[in-house]
Amino acid sequence: MVLAPSVAGLPTYRFWGVTVVRDELFLLAALLVLWATLGRWIYGDAKTRGSEWAWQWGFGTPLTLVAGLDVMLLVVVIYLLVRNSD
């Protein structure tokens, strides 16, 4: 991690040839925590409701982030609509 000069005077860092601002690192860390928490919550919820597909929901839903944040949120809404409401 190397401190790189910034035109705007913001603290920036260089990782593997990519320059990022400190705020972007905080945002990335927050999204990673949200991503992991979401998968864990969906898995736990599906497991307590007796779903045979609990691990697929818990593992697959966060993976849809690759397609975009809006797709992941759509899958969460779909899960909430199709889950067992015991």
PDB file of N, CA and C in Angstrom:
ATOM      1  N   MET A   1       0.856  -1.168   0.000  1.00  0.00           N
ATOM      2  CA  MET A   1       0.000   0.000   0.000  1.00  0.00           C
ATOM      3  C   MET A   1       0.899   1.226   0.000  1.00  0.00           C
ATOM      4  N   VAL A   2       0.761   2.033  -1.023  1.00  0.00           N
ATOM      5  CA  VAL A   2       1.583   3.219  -1.185  1.00  0.00           C
ATOM      6  C   VAL A   2       0.685   4.436  -1.251  1.00  0.00           C
ATOM      7  N   LEU A   3       1.036   5.459  -0.497  1.00  0.00           N
ATOM      8  CA  LEU A   3       0.283   6.697  -0.549  1.00  0.00           C
ATOM      9  C   LEU A   3       0.634   7.407  -1.846  1.00  0.00           C
ATOM     10  N   ALA A   4      -0.369   7.686  -2.666  1.00  0.00           N
ATOM     11  CA  ALA A   4      -0.147   8.322  -3.961  1.00  0.00           C
ATOM     12  C   ALA A   4      -0.659   9.757  -3.929  1.00  0.00           C
ATOM     13  N   PRO A   5      -0.055  10.661  -4.721  1.00  0.00           N
ATOM     14  CA  PRO A   5      -0.530  12.048  -4.737  1.00  0.00           C
ATOM     15  C   PRO A   5      -1.909  12.149  -5.396  1.00  0.00           C
ATOM     16  N   SER A   6      -2.699  13.107  -4.946  1.00  0.00           N
ATOM     17  CA  SER A   6      -4.041  13.301  -5.479  1.00  0.00           C
ATOM     18  C   SER A   6      -4.192  14.730  -5.980  1.00  0.00           C
ATOM     19  N   VAL A   7      -4.861  14.904  -7.106  1.00  0.00           N
ATOM     20  CA  VAL A   7      -5.097  16.236  -7.660  1.00  0.00           C
ATOM     21  C   VAL A   7      -6.035  17.023  -6.756  1.00  0.00           C
ATOM     22  N   ALA A   8      -7.039  16.354  -6.199  1.00  0.00           N
ATOM     23  CA  ALA A   8      -8.026  17.033  -5.359  1.00  0.00           C
ATOM     24  C   ALA A   8      -7.569  17.161  -3.912  1.00  0.00           C
ATOM     25  N   GLY A   9      -6.427  16.627  -3.577  1.00  0.00           N
ATOM     26  CA  GLY A   9      -5.931  16.699  -2.208  1.00  0.00           C
ATOM     27  C   GLY A   9      -6.506  15.628  -1.301  1.00  0.00           C
ATOM     28  N   LEU A  10      -7.219  14.630  -1.864  1.00  0.00           N
ATOM     29  CA  LEU A  10      -7.770  13.544  -1.068  1.00  0.00           C
ATOM     30  C   LEU A  10      -6.709  12.472  -0.857  1.00  0.00           C
ATOM     31  N   PRO A  11      -6.730  11.798   0.288  1.00  0.00           N
ATOM     32  CA  PRO A  11      -5.759  10.710   0.493  1.00  0.00           C
ATOM     33  C   PRO A  11      -6.087   9.526  -0.426  1.00  0.00           C
ATOM     34  N   THR A  12      -5.152   9.151  -1.248  1.00  0.00           N
ATOM     35  CA  THR A  12      -5.351   8.038  -2.176  1.00  0.00           C
ATOM     36  C   THR A  12      -4.296   6.976  -1.936  1.00  0.00           C
ATOM     37  N   TYR A  13      -4.586   5.767  -2.345  1.00  0.00           N
ATOM     38  CA  TYR A  13      -3.688   4.635  -2.178  1.00  0.00           C
ATOM     39  C   TYR A  13      -3.605   3.866  -3.481  1.00  0.00           C
ATOM     40  N   ARG A  14      -2.458   3.251  -3.713  1.00  0.00           N
ATOM     41  CA  ARG A  14      -2.272   2.435  -4.911  1.00  0.00           C
ATOM     42  C   ARG A  14      -2.172   0.971  -4.516  1.00  0.00           C
ATOM     43  N   PHE A  15      -3.071   0.166  -5.079  1.00  0.00           N
ATOM     44  CA  PHE A  15      -3.064  -1.279  -4.889  1.00  0.00           C
ATOM     45  C   PHE A  15      -2.953  -1.920  -6.250  1.00  0.00           C
ATOM     46  N   TRP A  16      -1.925  -2.698  -6.469  1.00  0.00           N
ATOM     47  CA  TRP A  16      -1.744  -3.453  -7.709  1.00  0.00           C
ATOM     48  C   TRP A  16      -1.939  -2.586  -8.952  1.00  0.00           C
ATOM     49  N   GLY A  17      -1.445  -1.359  -8.912  1.00  0.00           N
ATOM     50  CA  GLY A  17      -1.520  -0.477 -10.057  1.00  0.00           C
ATOM     51  C   GLY A  17      -2.813   0.314 -10.162  1.00  0.00           C
ATOM     52  N   VAL A  18      -3.713   0.182  -9.194  1.00  0.00           N
ATOM     53  CA  VAL A  18      -4.996   0.896  -9.214  1.00  0.00           C
ATOM     54  C   VAL A  18      -4.988   1.917  -8.086  1.00  0.00           C
ATOM     55  N   THR A  19      -5.328   3.146  -8.397  1.00  0.00           N
ATOM     56  CA  THR A  19      -5.386   4.203  -7.392  1.00  0.00           C
ATOM     57  C   THR A  19      -6.818   4.340  -6.883  1.00  0.00           C
ATOM     58  N   VAL A  20      -6.978   4.277  -5.568  1.00  0.00           N
ATOM     59  CA  VAL A  20      -8.303   4.403  -4.962  1.00  0.00           C
ATOM     60  C   VAL A  20      -8.263   5.442  -3.853  1.00  0.00           C
ATOM     61  N   VAL A  21      -9.412   6.055  -3.597  1.00  0.00           N
ATOM     62  CA  VAL A  21      -9.555   7.023  -2.520  1.00  0.00           C
ATOM     63  C   VAL A  21      -9.962   6.268  -1.262  1.00  0.00           C
ATOM     64  N   ARG A  22      -9.587   6.784  -0.115  1.00  0.00           N
ATOM     65  CA  ARG A  22      -9.879   6.120   1.155  1.00  0.00           C
ATOM     66  C   ARG A  22     -11.370   5.844   1.318  1.00  0.00           C
ATOM     67  N   ASP A  23     -12.230   6.770   0.899  1.00  0.00           N
ATOM     68  CA  ASP A  23     -13.678   6.573   1.033  1.00  0.00           C
ATOM     69  C   ASP A  23     -14.157   5.375   0.211  1.00  0.00           C
ATOM     70  N   GLU A  24     -13.539   5.140  -0.929  1.00  0.00           N
ATOM     71  CA  GLU A  24     -13.909   3.975  -1.737  1.00  0.00           C
ATOM     72  C   GLU A  24     -13.570   2.688  -1.011  1.00  0.00           C
ATOM     73  N   LEU A  25     -12.480   2.690  -0.256  1.00  0.00           N
ATOM     74  CA  LEU A  25     -12.119   1.503   0.523  1.00  0.00           C
ATOM     75  C   LEU A  25     -13.147   1.238   1.617  1.00  0.00           C
ATOM     76  N   PHE A  26     -13.624   2.298   2.268  1.00  0.00           N
ATOM     77  CA  PHE A  26     -14.656   2.131   3.295  1.00  0.00           C
ATOM     78  C   PHE A  26     -15.949   1.606   2.682  1.00  0.00           C
ATOM     79  N   LEU A  27     -16.327   2.124   1.521  1.00  0.00           N
ATOM     80  CA  LEU A  27     -17.532   1.666   0.842  1.00  0.00           C
ATOM     81  C   LEU A  27     -17.408   0.196   0.443  1.00  0.00           C
ATOM     82  N   LEU A  28     -16.258  -0.188  -0.069  1.00  0.00           N
ATOM     83  CA  LEU A  28     -16.027  -1.576  -0.443  1.00  0.00           C
ATOM     84  C   LEU A  28     -16.110  -2.494   0.774  1.00  0.00           C
ATOM     85  N   ALA A  29     -15.523  -2.076   1.884  1.00  0.00           N
ATOM     86  CA  ALA A  29     -15.583  -2.882   3.111  1.00  0.00           C
ATOM     87  C   ALA A  29     -17.027  -3.022   3.600  1.00  0.00           C
ATOM     88  N   ALA A  30     -17.798  -1.942   3.543  1.00  0.00           N
ATOM     89  CA  ALA A  30     -19.200  -1.994   3.977  1.00  0.00           C
ATOM     90  C   ALA A  30     -20.011  -2.919   3.077  1.00  0.00           C
ATOM     91  N   LEU A  31     -19.779  -2.874   1.778  1.00  0.00           N
ATOM     92  CA  LEU A  31     -20.498  -3.751   0.863  1.00  0.00           C
ATOM     93  C   LEU A  31     -20.128  -5.215   1.076  1.00  0.00           C
ATOM     94  N   LEU A  32     -18.869  -5.493   1.397  1.00  0.00           N
ATOM     95  CA  LEU A  32     -18.461  -6.870   1.670  1.00  0.00           C
ATOM     96  C   LEU A  32     -19.139  -7.401   2.935  1.00  0.00           C
ATOM     97  N   VAL A  33     -19.247  -6.566   3.951  1.00  0.00           N
ATOM     98  CA  VAL A  33     -19.929  -6.976   5.182  1.00  0.00           C
ATOM     99  C   VAL A  33     -21.417  -7.210   4.901  1.00  0.00           C
ATOM    100  N   LEU A  34     -22.044  -6.324   4.132  1.00  0.00           N
ATOM    101  CA  LEU A  34     -23.439  -6.498   3.760  1.00  0.00           C
ATOM    102  C   LEU A  34     -23.638  -7.779   2.964  1.00  0.00           C
ATOM    103  N   TRP A  35     -22.748  -8.035   2.031  1.00  0.00           N
ATOM    104  CA  TRP A  35     -22.816  -9.224   1.183  1.00  0.00           C
ATOM    105  C   TRP A  35     -22.758 -10.495   2.026  1.00  0.00           C
ATOM    106  N   ALA A  36     -21.793 -10.578   2.939  1.00  0.00           N
ATOM    107  CA  ALA A  36     -21.643 -11.769   3.774  1.00  0.00           C
ATOM    108  C   ALA A  36     -22.817 -11.925   4.738  1.00  0.00           C
ATOM    109  N   THR A  37     -23.271 -10.826   5.303  1.00  0.00           N
ATOM    110  CA  THR A  37     -24.388 -10.870   6.245  1.00  0.00           C
ATOM    111  C   THR A  37     -25.675 -11.301   5.554  1.00  0.00           C
ATOM    112  N   LEU A  38     -25.891 -10.827   4.343  1.00  0.00           N
ATOM    113  CA  LEU A  38     -27.096 -11.186   3.597  1.00  0.00           C
ATOM    114  C   LEU A  38     -27.152 -12.687   3.332  1.00  0.00           C
ATOM    115  N   GLY A  39     -26.044 -13.261   2.866  1.00  0.00           N
ATOM    116  CA  GLY A  39     -26.018 -14.697   2.603  1.00  0.00           C
ATOM    117  C   GLY A  39     -26.246 -15.518   3.856  1.00  0.00           C
ATOM    118  N   ARG A  40     -25.635 -15.083   4.931  1.00  0.00           N
ATOM    119  CA  ARG A  40     -25.793 -15.799   6.196  1.00  0.00           C
ATOM    120  C   ARG A  40     -27.228 -15.704   6.717  1.00  0.00           C
ATOM    121  N   TRP A  41     -27.842 -14.517   6.588  1.00  0.00           N
ATOM    122  CA  TRP A  41     -29.215 -14.339   7.047  1.00  0.00           C
ATOM    123  C   TRP A  41     -30.181 -15.177   6.212  1.00  0.00           C
ATOM    124  N   ILE A  42     -30.025 -15.165   4.901  1.00  0.00           N
ATOM    125  CA  ILE A  42     -30.930 -15.935   4.051  1.00  0.00           C
ATOM    126  C   ILE A  42     -30.779 -17.429   4.323  1.00  0.00           C
ATOM    127  N   TYR A  43     -29.539 -17.897   4.497  1.00  0.00           N
ATOM    128  CA  TYR A  43     -29.330 -19.312   4.806  1.00  0.00           C
ATOM    129  C   TYR A  43     -30.009 -19.679   6.120  1.00  0.00           C
ATOM    130  N   GLY A  44     -29.777 -18.879   7.151  1.00  0.00           N
ATOM    131  CA  GLY A  44     -30.382 -19.168   8.458  1.00  0.00           C
ATOM    132  C   GLY A  44     -31.901 -19.135   8.422  1.00  0.00           C
ATOM    133  N   ASP A  45     -32.457 -18.167   7.710  1.00  0.00           N
ATOM    134  CA  ASP A  45     -33.909 -18.055   7.605  1.00  0.00           C
ATOM    135  C   ASP A  45     -34.497 -19.256   6.859  1.00  0.00           C
ATOM    136  N   ALA A  46     -33.872 -19.615   5.747  1.00  0.00           N
ATOM    137  CA  ALA A  46     -34.372 -20.761   4.967  1.00  0.00           C
ATOM    138  C   ALA A  46     -34.237 -22.055   5.760  1.00  0.00           C
ATOM    139  N   LYS A  47     -33.155 -22.193   6.512  1.00  0.00           N
ATOM    140  CA  LYS A  47     -32.926 -23.410   7.305  1.00  0.00           C
ATOM    141  C   LYS A  47     -33.976 -23.537   8.413  1.00  0.00           C
ATOM    142  N   THR A  48     -34.286 -22.434   9.100  1.00  0.00           N
ATOM    143  CA  THR A  48     -35.274 -22.500  10.177  1.00  0.00           C
ATOM    144  C   THR A  48     -36.677 -22.736   9.647  1.00  0.00           C
ATOM    145  N   ARG A  49     -36.929 -22.383   8.400  1.00  0.00           N
ATOM    146  CA  ARG A  49     -38.238 -22.619   7.792  1.00  0.00           C
ATOM    147  C   ARG A  49     -38.318 -23.995   7.139  1.00  0.00           C
ATOM    148  N   GLY A  50     -37.242 -24.780   7.232  1.00  0.00           N
ATOM    149  CA  GLY A  50     -37.265 -26.146   6.743  1.00  0.00           C
ATOM    150  C   GLY A  50     -37.083 -26.283   5.244  1.00  0.00           C
ATOM    151  N   SER A  51     -36.469 -25.326   4.618  1.00  0.00           N
ATOM    152  CA  SER A  51     -36.267 -25.381   3.173  1.00  0.00           C
ATOM    153  C   SER A  51     -35.173 -26.380   2.817  1.00  0.00           C
ATOM    154  N   GLU A  52     -35.429 -27.198   1.808  1.00  0.00           N
ATOM    155  CA  GLU A  52     -34.405 -28.126   1.327  1.00  0.00           C
ATOM    156  C   GLU A  52     -33.376 -27.398   0.471  1.00  0.00           C
ATOM    157  N   TRP A  53     -33.663 -26.169   0.080  1.00  0.00           N
ATOM    158  CA  TRP A  53     -32.791 -25.383  -0.771  1.00  0.00           C
ATOM    159  C   TRP A  53     -32.072 -24.290   0.011  1.00  0.00           C
ATOM    160  N   ALA A  54     -31.924 -24.450   1.311  1.00  0.00           N
ATOM    161  CA  ALA A  54     -31.369 -23.393   2.158  1.00  0.00           C
ATOM    162  C   ALA A  54     -29.964 -22.986   1.727  1.00  0.00           C
ATOM    163  N   TRP A  55     -29.085 -23.957   1.503  1.00  0.00           N
ATOM    164  CA  TRP A  55     -27.713 -23.573   1.155  1.00  0.00           C
ATOM    165  C   TRP A  55     -27.645 -22.946  -0.228  1.00  0.00           C
ATOM    166  N   GLN A  56     -28.535 -23.339  -1.144  1.00  0.00           N
ATOM    167  CA  GLN A  56     -28.538 -22.720  -2.469  1.00  0.00           C
ATOM    168  C   GLN A  56     -28.988 -21.265  -2.384  1.00  0.00           C
ATOM    169  N   TRP A  57     -29.997 -20.997  -1.570  1.00  0.00           N
ATOM    170  CA  TRP A  57     -30.433 -19.621  -1.384  1.00  0.00           C
ATOM    171  C   TRP A  57     -29.343 -18.800  -0.709  1.00  0.00           C
ATOM    172  N   GLY A  58     -28.754 -19.359   0.357  1.00  0.00           N
ATOM    173  CA  GLY A  58     -27.744 -18.629   1.115  1.00  0.00           C
ATOM    174  C   GLY A  58     -26.467 -18.390   0.343  1.00  0.00           C
ATOM    175  N   PHE A  59     -26.081 -19.312  -0.499  1.00  0.00           N
ATOM    176  CA  PHE A  59     -24.847 -19.173  -1.272  1.00  0.00           C
ATOM    177  C   PHE A  59     -25.086 -18.452  -2.595  1.00  0.00           C
ATOM    178  N   GLY A  60     -26.206 -18.732  -3.245  1.00  0.00           N
ATOM    179  CA  GLY A  60     -26.462 -18.193  -4.575  1.00  0.00           C
ATOM    180  C   GLY A  60     -26.917 -16.752  -4.596  1.00  0.00           C
ATOM    181  N   THR A  61     -27.678 -16.340  -3.591  1.00  0.00           N
ATOM    182  CA  THR A  61     -28.188 -14.973  -3.590  1.00  0.00           C
ATOM    183  C   THR A  61     -27.070 -13.934  -3.570  1.00  0.00           C
ATOM    184  N   PRO A  62     -26.080 -14.021  -2.688  1.00  0.00           N
ATOM    185  CA  PRO A  62     -24.990 -13.043  -2.747  1.00  0.00           C
ATOM    186  C   PRO A  62     -24.179 -13.136  -4.038  1.00  0.00           C
ATOM    187  N   LEU A  63     -24.118 -14.303  -4.659  1.00  0.00           N
ATOM    188  CA  LEU A  63     -23.372 -14.434  -5.909  1.00  0.00           C
ATOM    189  C   LEU A  63     -24.009 -13.649  -7.050  1.00  0.00           C
ATOM    190  N   THR A  64     -25.306 -13.360  -6.943  1.00  0.00           N
ATOM    191  CA  THR A  64     -25.958 -12.587  -8.000  1.00  0.00           C
ATOM    192  C   THR A  64     -25.464 -11.147  -8.030  1.00  0.00           C
ATOM    193  N   LEU A  65     -24.675 -10.736  -7.030  1.00  0.00           N
ATOM    194  CA  LEU A  65     -24.073  -9.407  -7.046  1.00  0.00           C
ATOM    195  C   LEU A  65     -23.176  -9.231  -8.265  1.00  0.00           C
ATOM    196  N   VAL A  66     -22.668 -10.335  -8.803  1.00  0.00           N
ATOM    197  CA  VAL A  66     -21.847 -10.277 -10.009  1.00  0.00           C
ATOM    198  C   VAL A  66     -22.652  -9.669 -11.152  1.00  0.00           C
ATOM    199  N   ALA A  67     -23.945  -9.942 -11.206  1.00  0.00           N
ATOM    200  CA  ALA A  67     -24.812  -9.401 -12.257  1.00  0.00           C
ATOM    201  C   ALA A  67     -25.232  -7.967 -11.954  1.00  0.00           C
ATOM    202  N   GLY A  68     -25.055  -7.530 -10.732  1.00  0.00           N
ATOM    203  CA  GLY A  68     -25.402  -6.163 -10.354  1.00  0.00           C
ATOM    204  C   GLY A  68     -26.139  -6.114  -9.037  1.00  0.00           C
ATOM    205  N   LEU A  69     -26.042  -4.980  -8.365  1.00  0.00           N
ATOM    206  CA  LEU A  69     -26.700  -4.817  -7.074  1.00  0.00           C
ATOM    207  C   LEU A  69     -28.213  -4.902  -7.208  1.00  0.00           C
ATOM    208  N   ASP A  70     -28.751  -4.365  -8.296  1.00  0.00           N
ATOM    209  CA  ASP A  70     -30.193  -4.419  -8.494  1.00  0.00           C
ATOM    210  C   ASP A  70     -30.685  -5.852  -8.694  1.00  0.00           C
ATOM    211  N   VAL A  71     -29.896  -6.687  -9.353  1.00  0.00           N
ATOM    212  CA  VAL A  71     -30.271  -8.095  -9.548  1.00  0.00           C
ATOM    213  C   VAL A  71     -30.266  -8.822  -8.211  1.00  0.00           C
ATOM    214  N   MET A  72     -29.265  -8.549  -7.379  1.00  0.00           N
ATOM    215  CA  MET A  72     -29.202  -9.192  -6.070  1.00  0.00           C
ATOM    216  C   MET A  72     -30.412  -8.796  -5.223  1.00  0.00           C
ATOM    217  N   LEU A  73     -30.772  -7.523  -5.244  1.00  0.00           N
ATOM    218  CA  LEU A  73     -31.939  -7.084  -4.479  1.00  0.00           C
ATOM    219  C   LEU A  73     -33.226  -7.700  -5.020  1.00  0.00           C
ATOM    220  N   LEU A  74     -33.311  -7.883  -6.319  1.00  0.00           N
ATOM    221  CA  LEU A  74     -34.468  -8.546  -6.915  1.00  0.00           C
ATOM    222  C   LEU A  74     -34.562  -9.998  -6.449  1.00  0.00           C
ATOM    223  N   VAL A  75     -33.438 -10.693  -6.372  1.00  0.00           N
ATOM    224  CA  VAL A  75     -33.430 -12.082  -5.901  1.00  0.00           C
ATOM    225  C   VAL A  75     -33.841 -12.145  -4.430  1.00  0.00           C
ATOM    226  N   VAL A  76     -33.429 -11.175  -3.634  1.00  0.00           N
ATOM    227  CA  VAL A  76     -33.846 -11.137  -2.225  1.00  0.00           C
ATOM    228  C   VAL A  76     -35.361 -10.977  -2.138  1.00  0.00           C
ATOM    229  N   VAL A  77     -35.938 -10.107  -2.944  1.00  0.00           N
ATOM    230  CA  VAL A  77     -37.389  -9.926  -2.960  1.00  0.00           C
ATOM    231  C   VAL A  77     -38.077 -11.216  -3.403  1.00  0.00           C
ATOM    232  N   ILE A  78     -37.530 -11.885  -4.412  1.00  0.00           N
ATOM    233  CA  ILE A  78     -38.099 -13.156  -4.869  1.00  0.00           C
ATOM    234  C   ILE A  78     -38.054 -14.184  -3.742  1.00  0.00           C
ATOM    235  N   TYR A  79     -36.919 -14.247  -3.022  1.00  0.00           N
ATOM    236  CA  TYR A  79     -36.826 -15.175  -1.888  1.00  0.00           C
ATOM    237  C   TYR A  79     -37.899 -14.875  -0.847  1.00  0.00           C
ATOM    238  N   LEU A  80     -38.077 -13.601  -0.525  1.00  0.00           N
ATOM    239  CA  LEU A  80     -39.072 -13.240   0.478  1.00  0.00           C
ATOM    240  C   LEU A  80     -40.485 -13.593   0.029  1.00  0.00           C
ATOM    241  N   LEU A  81     -40.736 -13.583  -1.264  1.00  0.00           N
ATOM    242  CA  LEU A  81     -42.065 -13.929  -1.770  1.00  0.00           C
ATOM    243  C   LEU A  81     -42.318 -15.433  -1.825  1.00  0.00           C
ATOM    244  N   VAL A  82     -41.287 -16.234  -2.111  1.00  0.00           N
ATOM    245  CA  VAL A  82     -41.504 -17.669  -2.300  1.00  0.00           C
ATOM    246  C   VAL A  82     -41.179 -18.516  -1.078  1.00  0.00           C
ATOM    247  N   ARG A  83     -40.633 -17.917  -0.027  1.00  0.00           N
ATOM    248  CA  ARG A  83     -40.286 -18.730   1.151  1.00  0.00           C
ATOM    249  C   ARG A  83     -41.534 -19.214   1.854  1.00  0.00           C
ATOM    250  N   ASN A  84     -41.375 -20.288   2.619  1.00  0.00           N
ATOM    251  CA  ASN A  84     -42.500 -20.828   3.396  1.00  0.00           C
ATOM    252  C   ASN A  84     -42.838 -19.859   4.512  1.00  0.00           C
ATOM    253  N   SER A  85     -44.077 -19.554   4.689  1.00  0.00           N
ATOM    254  CA  SER A  85     -44.492 -18.642   5.762  1.00  0.00           C
ATOM    255  C   SER A  85     -45.190 -19.435   6.865  1.00  0.00           C
ATOM    256  N   ASP A  86     -44.413 -20.297   7.509  1.00  0.00           N
ATOM    257  CA  ASP A  86     -44.961 -21.172   8.559  1.00  0.00           C
ATOM    258  C   ASP A  86     -45.418 -20.386   9.743  1.00  0.00           C
TER     259      ASP A  86
END
